[in-house]
Amino acid sequence: MTQSTDVTLPDLQAAPSASQDAAPEPEVKRTAADLEAVFDVNVNVSAILGKSKMEVSQLLKLAKGSVVELDRKIGEAIDIFVNDRLVARGEVVLVDDRLGITMTEIVKGDRS
């Protein structure tokens, strides 16, 4: 997959405080190329289809073809985590005989 580096990014600078000069600063166009320093950073991406609890004895009885009931219904959104942090929800899609994920909702969380 090729990546385009001409994507326009929102201004990431903090708003000027009341004590600063109110003169407008020149408009700076930001692109994905500005983030080039982090392009090679590895992140762990997980898509959680659902969860299930079972006893170890039940786990040991699982074999090829076993069905494990999950806590989600068909068509319900799956959770997408990046480095163990929920960032989006989406749905499973089929892409050239492989499973993929389509993000349907970006989760905005606080940075605490």
N, C-alpha and C. Protein backbone atom coordinates (compact mmCIF):
# COMPACT_ATOMS: atom_id res chain seq x y z
N MET A 1 0.84 -1.17 0.00
CA MET A 1 0.00 0.00 0.00
C MET A 1 0.89 1.23 0.00
N THR A 2 0.60 2.17 -0.87
CA THR A 2 1.39 3.39 -0.93
C THR A 2 0.76 4.45 -0.04
N GLN A 3 1.60 5.31 0.53
CA GLN A 3 1.11 6.36 1.41
C GLN A 3 1.35 7.70 0.76
N SER A 4 0.33 8.55 0.80
CA SER A 4 0.46 9.89 0.27
C SER A 4 0.99 10.80 1.37
N THR A 5 1.87 11.72 1.02
CA THR A 5 2.41 12.64 2.02
C THR A 5 1.90 14.06 1.83
N ASP A 6 0.82 14.21 1.06
CA ASP A 6 0.29 15.56 0.83
C ASP A 6 -1.04 15.79 1.54
N VAL A 7 -1.27 15.07 2.65
CA VAL A 7 -2.49 15.23 3.42
C VAL A 7 -2.35 16.46 4.30
N THR A 8 -3.36 17.32 4.32
CA THR A 8 -3.33 18.52 5.15
C THR A 8 -3.71 18.15 6.58
N LEU A 9 -2.93 18.59 7.55
CA LEU A 9 -3.17 18.32 8.96
C LEU A 9 -3.71 19.56 9.65
N PRO A 10 -4.50 19.38 10.72
CA PRO A 10 -4.98 20.55 11.46
C PRO A 10 -3.83 21.20 12.20
N ASP A 11 -4.01 22.48 12.54
CA ASP A 11 -2.98 23.20 13.28
C ASP A 11 -2.87 22.60 14.67
N LEU A 12 -1.69 22.16 15.05
CA LEU A 12 -1.48 21.50 16.33
C LEU A 12 -0.90 22.42 17.39
N GLN A 13 -0.72 23.68 17.08
CA GLN A 13 -0.17 24.62 18.04
C GLN A 13 -1.26 25.06 19.00
N ALA A 14 -0.84 25.39 20.23
CA ALA A 14 -1.78 25.88 21.23
C ALA A 14 -2.24 27.28 20.86
N ALA A 15 -3.45 27.61 21.27
CA ALA A 15 -3.98 28.95 21.02
C ALA A 15 -3.18 29.97 21.81
N PRO A 16 -2.95 31.16 21.27
CA PRO A 16 -2.17 32.17 22.00
C PRO A 16 -2.92 32.63 23.24
N SER A 17 -2.17 32.88 24.31
CA SER A 17 -2.80 33.36 25.54
C SER A 17 -3.09 34.85 25.41
N ALA A 18 -3.88 35.36 26.35
CA ALA A 18 -4.29 36.76 26.32
C ALA A 18 -3.10 37.70 26.49
N SER A 19 -2.01 37.22 27.13
CA SER A 19 -0.86 38.08 27.36
C SER A 19 0.03 38.22 26.13
N GLN A 20 -0.15 37.35 25.14
CA GLN A 20 0.67 37.42 23.95
C GLN A 20 0.13 38.48 23.01
N ASP A 21 1.01 38.94 22.11
CA ASP A 21 0.61 39.93 21.11
C ASP A 21 -0.50 39.35 20.25
N ALA A 22 -1.52 40.13 19.96
CA ALA A 22 -2.68 39.66 19.21
C ALA A 22 -2.47 39.71 17.70
N ALA A 23 -1.27 40.04 17.25
CA ALA A 23 -1.00 40.10 15.81
C ALA A 23 -1.14 38.71 15.20
N PRO A 24 -1.86 38.59 14.10
CA PRO A 24 -2.05 37.27 13.51
C PRO A 24 -0.74 36.73 12.93
N GLU A 25 -0.54 35.43 13.15
CA GLU A 25 0.66 34.78 12.61
C GLU A 25 0.36 34.30 11.21
N PRO A 26 1.38 34.21 10.37
CA PRO A 26 1.15 33.74 9.00
C PRO A 26 0.62 32.30 9.01
N GLU A 27 -0.25 31.98 8.08
CA GLU A 27 -0.83 30.64 7.96
C GLU A 27 0.25 29.65 7.55
N VAL A 28 0.37 28.55 8.29
CA VAL A 28 1.36 27.53 7.99
C VAL A 28 0.61 26.28 7.54
N LYS A 29 0.91 25.82 6.33
CA LYS A 29 0.26 24.61 5.82
C LYS A 29 1.04 23.40 6.34
N ARG A 30 0.34 22.52 7.05
CA ARG A 30 0.96 21.32 7.60
C ARG A 30 0.53 20.11 6.78
N THR A 31 1.47 19.22 6.54
CA THR A 31 1.18 18.01 5.77
C THR A 31 1.66 16.79 6.54
N ALA A 32 1.33 15.60 6.03
CA ALA A 32 1.76 14.36 6.66
C ALA A 32 3.28 14.26 6.67
N ALA A 33 3.95 14.92 5.75
CA ALA A 33 5.42 14.89 5.73
C ALA A 33 6.00 15.49 7.01
N ASP A 34 5.25 16.38 7.68
CA ASP A 34 5.71 16.96 8.94
C ASP A 34 5.83 15.89 10.04
N LEU A 35 5.15 14.78 9.88
CA LEU A 35 5.18 13.70 10.87
C LEU A 35 6.14 12.58 10.49
N GLU A 36 6.99 12.83 9.51
CA GLU A 36 7.87 11.80 8.99
C GLU A 36 8.73 11.15 10.08
N ALA A 37 9.05 11.86 11.13
CA ALA A 37 9.90 11.32 12.19
C ALA A 37 9.24 10.15 12.91
N VAL A 38 7.92 10.05 12.90
CA VAL A 38 7.23 8.97 13.61
C VAL A 38 6.70 7.88 12.68
N PHE A 39 6.95 7.97 11.40
CA PHE A 39 6.44 6.98 10.44
C PHE A 39 6.94 5.57 10.74
N ASP A 40 8.14 5.41 11.27
CA ASP A 40 8.71 4.09 11.51
C ASP A 40 8.50 3.58 12.93
N VAL A 41 7.70 4.27 13.74
CA VAL A 41 7.43 3.83 15.10
C VAL A 41 6.43 2.68 15.05
N ASN A 42 6.78 1.54 15.68
CA ASN A 42 5.90 0.39 15.72
C ASN A 42 4.81 0.58 16.76
N VAL A 43 3.59 0.23 16.40
CA VAL A 43 2.47 0.25 17.34
C VAL A 43 1.76 -1.09 17.25
N ASN A 44 1.13 -1.49 18.33
CA ASN A 44 0.39 -2.73 18.39
C ASN A 44 -1.09 -2.42 18.15
N VAL A 45 -1.66 -2.93 17.07
CA VAL A 45 -3.06 -2.70 16.74
C VAL A 45 -3.83 -4.00 16.97
N SER A 46 -4.91 -3.91 17.76
CA SER A 46 -5.74 -5.08 18.06
C SER A 46 -7.19 -4.77 17.73
N ALA A 47 -7.87 -5.75 17.15
CA ALA A 47 -9.30 -5.64 16.89
C ALA A 47 -9.99 -6.70 17.74
N ILE A 48 -10.81 -6.27 18.68
CA ILE A 48 -11.45 -7.17 19.62
C ILE A 48 -12.86 -7.49 19.13
N LEU A 49 -13.07 -8.73 18.71
CA LEU A 49 -14.38 -9.16 18.22
C LEU A 49 -15.36 -9.37 19.36
N GLY A 50 -14.87 -9.78 20.51
CA GLY A 50 -15.72 -10.04 21.66
C GLY A 50 -14.91 -10.75 22.73
N LYS A 51 -15.56 -11.02 23.85
CA LYS A 51 -14.89 -11.68 24.97
C LYS A 51 -15.75 -12.83 25.47
N SER A 52 -15.11 -13.77 26.14
CA SER A 52 -15.81 -14.90 26.72
C SER A 52 -15.05 -15.36 27.96
N LYS A 53 -15.78 -15.82 28.96
CA LYS A 53 -15.15 -16.37 30.17
C LYS A 53 -15.44 -17.86 30.20
N MET A 54 -14.40 -18.62 30.54
CA MET A 54 -14.58 -20.06 30.68
C MET A 54 -13.57 -20.60 31.67
N GLU A 55 -13.88 -21.76 32.19
CA GLU A 55 -12.98 -22.42 33.12
C GLU A 55 -11.84 -23.06 32.33
N VAL A 56 -10.72 -23.29 33.01
CA VAL A 56 -9.57 -23.89 32.36
C VAL A 56 -9.94 -25.26 31.79
N SER A 57 -10.77 -26.01 32.51
CA SER A 57 -11.17 -27.34 32.02
C SER A 57 -11.91 -27.22 30.69
N GLN A 58 -12.75 -26.19 30.53
CA GLN A 58 -13.45 -25.98 29.26
C GLN A 58 -12.46 -25.56 28.17
N LEU A 59 -11.49 -24.72 28.52
CA LEU A 59 -10.48 -24.27 27.57
C LEU A 59 -9.67 -25.45 27.03
N LEU A 60 -9.33 -26.40 27.91
CA LEU A 60 -8.54 -27.56 27.50
C LEU A 60 -9.33 -28.50 26.58
N LYS A 61 -10.66 -28.43 26.61
CA LYS A 61 -11.49 -29.29 25.77
C LYS A 61 -11.69 -28.71 24.36
N LEU A 62 -11.26 -27.46 24.13
CA LEU A 62 -11.43 -26.86 22.81
C LEU A 62 -10.58 -27.59 21.78
N ALA A 63 -11.14 -27.78 20.62
CA ALA A 63 -10.43 -28.44 19.53
C ALA A 63 -10.77 -27.71 18.24
N LYS A 64 -10.13 -28.11 17.16
CA LYS A 64 -10.42 -27.52 15.86
C LYS A 64 -11.91 -27.67 15.57
N GLY A 65 -12.53 -26.57 15.20
CA GLY A 65 -13.97 -26.59 14.91
C GLY A 65 -14.85 -26.25 16.09
N SER A 66 -14.25 -26.09 17.29
CA SER A 66 -15.04 -25.72 18.46
C SER A 66 -15.58 -24.30 18.29
N VAL A 67 -16.74 -24.06 18.86
CA VAL A 67 -17.38 -22.75 18.80
C VAL A 67 -17.34 -22.13 20.18
N VAL A 68 -16.84 -20.90 20.27
CA VAL A 68 -16.79 -20.17 21.53
C VAL A 68 -17.76 -19.00 21.41
N GLU A 69 -18.73 -18.95 22.31
CA GLU A 69 -19.71 -17.87 22.28
C GLU A 69 -19.10 -16.60 22.86
N LEU A 70 -19.24 -15.49 22.12
CA LEU A 70 -18.71 -14.20 22.54
C LEU A 70 -19.82 -13.33 23.11
N ASP A 71 -19.45 -12.25 23.77
CA ASP A 71 -20.41 -11.36 24.41
C ASP A 71 -20.99 -10.31 23.46
N ARG A 72 -20.78 -10.44 22.18
CA ARG A 72 -21.29 -9.47 21.20
C ARG A 72 -22.24 -10.15 20.24
N LYS A 73 -23.10 -9.35 19.65
CA LYS A 73 -24.05 -9.86 18.67
C LYS A 73 -23.51 -9.64 17.26
N ILE A 74 -24.05 -10.38 16.30
CA ILE A 74 -23.67 -10.21 14.90
C ILE A 74 -24.02 -8.79 14.48
N GLY A 75 -23.10 -8.13 13.79
CA GLY A 75 -23.33 -6.77 13.32
C GLY A 75 -22.97 -5.70 14.32
N GLU A 76 -22.68 -6.07 15.56
CA GLU A 76 -22.28 -5.09 16.58
C GLU A 76 -20.84 -4.66 16.31
N ALA A 77 -20.54 -3.41 16.56
CA ALA A 77 -19.21 -2.85 16.28
C ALA A 77 -18.14 -3.56 17.11
N ILE A 78 -16.96 -3.70 16.51
CA ILE A 78 -15.81 -4.25 17.23
C ILE A 78 -14.95 -3.11 17.74
N ASP A 79 -14.17 -3.37 18.77
CA ASP A 79 -13.29 -2.35 19.33
C ASP A 79 -11.91 -2.45 18.70
N ILE A 80 -11.32 -1.30 18.38
CA ILE A 80 -9.99 -1.24 17.79
C ILE A 80 -9.07 -0.52 18.77
N PHE A 81 -8.04 -1.22 19.20
CA PHE A 81 -7.10 -0.68 20.17
C PHE A 81 -5.75 -0.44 19.51
N VAL A 82 -5.08 0.64 19.88
CA VAL A 82 -3.70 0.90 19.49
C VAL A 82 -2.91 1.04 20.78
N ASN A 83 -1.92 0.17 20.94
CA ASN A 83 -1.12 0.12 22.18
C ASN A 83 -2.02 0.06 23.41
N ASP A 84 -2.98 -0.84 23.39
CA ASP A 84 -3.91 -1.10 24.51
C ASP A 84 -4.79 0.10 24.86
N ARG A 85 -4.99 0.99 23.93
CA ARG A 85 -5.86 2.15 24.15
C ARG A 85 -6.95 2.14 23.07
N LEU A 86 -8.22 2.20 23.49
CA LEU A 86 -9.33 2.21 22.56
C LEU A 86 -9.30 3.48 21.73
N VAL A 87 -9.21 3.34 20.41
CA VAL A 87 -9.14 4.50 19.53
C VAL A 87 -10.29 4.56 18.53
N ALA A 88 -10.93 3.42 18.26
CA ALA A 88 -11.98 3.42 17.24
C ALA A 88 -12.87 2.20 17.39
N ARG A 89 -13.98 2.24 16.68
CA ARG A 89 -14.87 1.08 16.55
C ARG A 89 -15.07 0.86 15.06
N GLY A 90 -15.35 -0.36 14.70
CA GLY A 90 -15.50 -0.65 13.28
C GLY A 90 -16.20 -1.95 13.03
N GLU A 91 -16.10 -2.41 11.79
CA GLU A 91 -16.72 -3.67 11.42
C GLU A 91 -15.76 -4.48 10.58
N VAL A 92 -15.96 -5.79 10.60
CA VAL A 92 -15.11 -6.71 9.85
C VAL A 92 -15.56 -6.73 8.40
N VAL A 93 -14.59 -6.69 7.49
CA VAL A 93 -14.87 -6.75 6.05
C VAL A 93 -13.97 -7.80 5.42
N LEU A 94 -14.36 -8.27 4.25
CA LEU A 94 -13.56 -9.23 3.51
C LEU A 94 -12.86 -8.50 2.38
N VAL A 95 -11.52 -8.62 2.33
CA VAL A 95 -10.72 -7.95 1.30
C VAL A 95 -9.83 -9.01 0.64
N ASP A 96 -10.12 -9.36 -0.60
CA ASP A 96 -9.32 -10.34 -1.34
C ASP A 96 -9.07 -11.61 -0.52
N ASP A 97 -10.12 -12.24 -0.04
CA ASP A 97 -10.04 -13.49 0.74
C ASP A 97 -9.33 -13.34 2.07
N ARG A 98 -9.21 -12.13 2.57
CA ARG A 98 -8.61 -11.87 3.89
C ARG A 98 -9.57 -11.00 4.69
N LEU A 99 -9.47 -11.11 6.00
CA LEU A 99 -10.29 -10.27 6.86
C LEU A 99 -9.63 -8.91 7.03
N GLY A 100 -10.45 -7.87 7.08
CA GLY A 100 -9.96 -6.52 7.31
C GLY A 100 -10.92 -5.80 8.25
N ILE A 101 -10.60 -4.58 8.56
CA ILE A 101 -11.41 -3.76 9.45
C ILE A 101 -11.72 -2.44 8.78
N THR A 102 -12.98 -2.04 8.84
CA THR A 102 -13.38 -0.70 8.40
C THR A 102 -13.72 0.10 9.65
N MET A 103 -13.03 1.22 9.86
CA MET A 103 -13.33 2.06 11.02
C MET A 103 -14.60 2.85 10.74
N THR A 104 -15.56 2.74 11.64
CA THR A 104 -16.83 3.45 11.50
C THR A 104 -16.98 4.59 12.49
N GLU A 105 -16.16 4.57 13.54
CA GLU A 105 -16.25 5.61 14.58
C GLU A 105 -14.89 5.79 15.23
N ILE A 106 -14.44 7.01 15.33
CA ILE A 106 -13.21 7.33 16.06
C ILE A 106 -13.61 7.69 17.49
N VAL A 107 -12.97 7.06 18.45
CA VAL A 107 -13.29 7.30 19.86
C VAL A 107 -12.39 8.40 20.38
N LYS A 108 -12.98 9.48 20.82
CA LYS A 108 -12.21 10.58 21.39
C LYS A 108 -12.15 10.38 22.89
N GLY A 109 -10.94 10.20 23.41
CA GLY A 109 -10.77 10.01 24.84
C GLY A 109 -9.92 11.09 25.43
N ASP A 110 -10.01 11.23 26.76
CA ASP A 110 -9.16 12.23 27.41
C ASP A 110 -7.75 11.71 27.52
N ARG A 111 -6.80 12.58 27.65
CA ARG A 111 -5.38 12.22 27.69
C ARG A 111 -4.87 12.21 29.13
N SER A 112 -5.64 11.65 30.06
CA SER A 112 -5.21 11.65 31.47
C SER A 112 -4.22 10.60 31.79
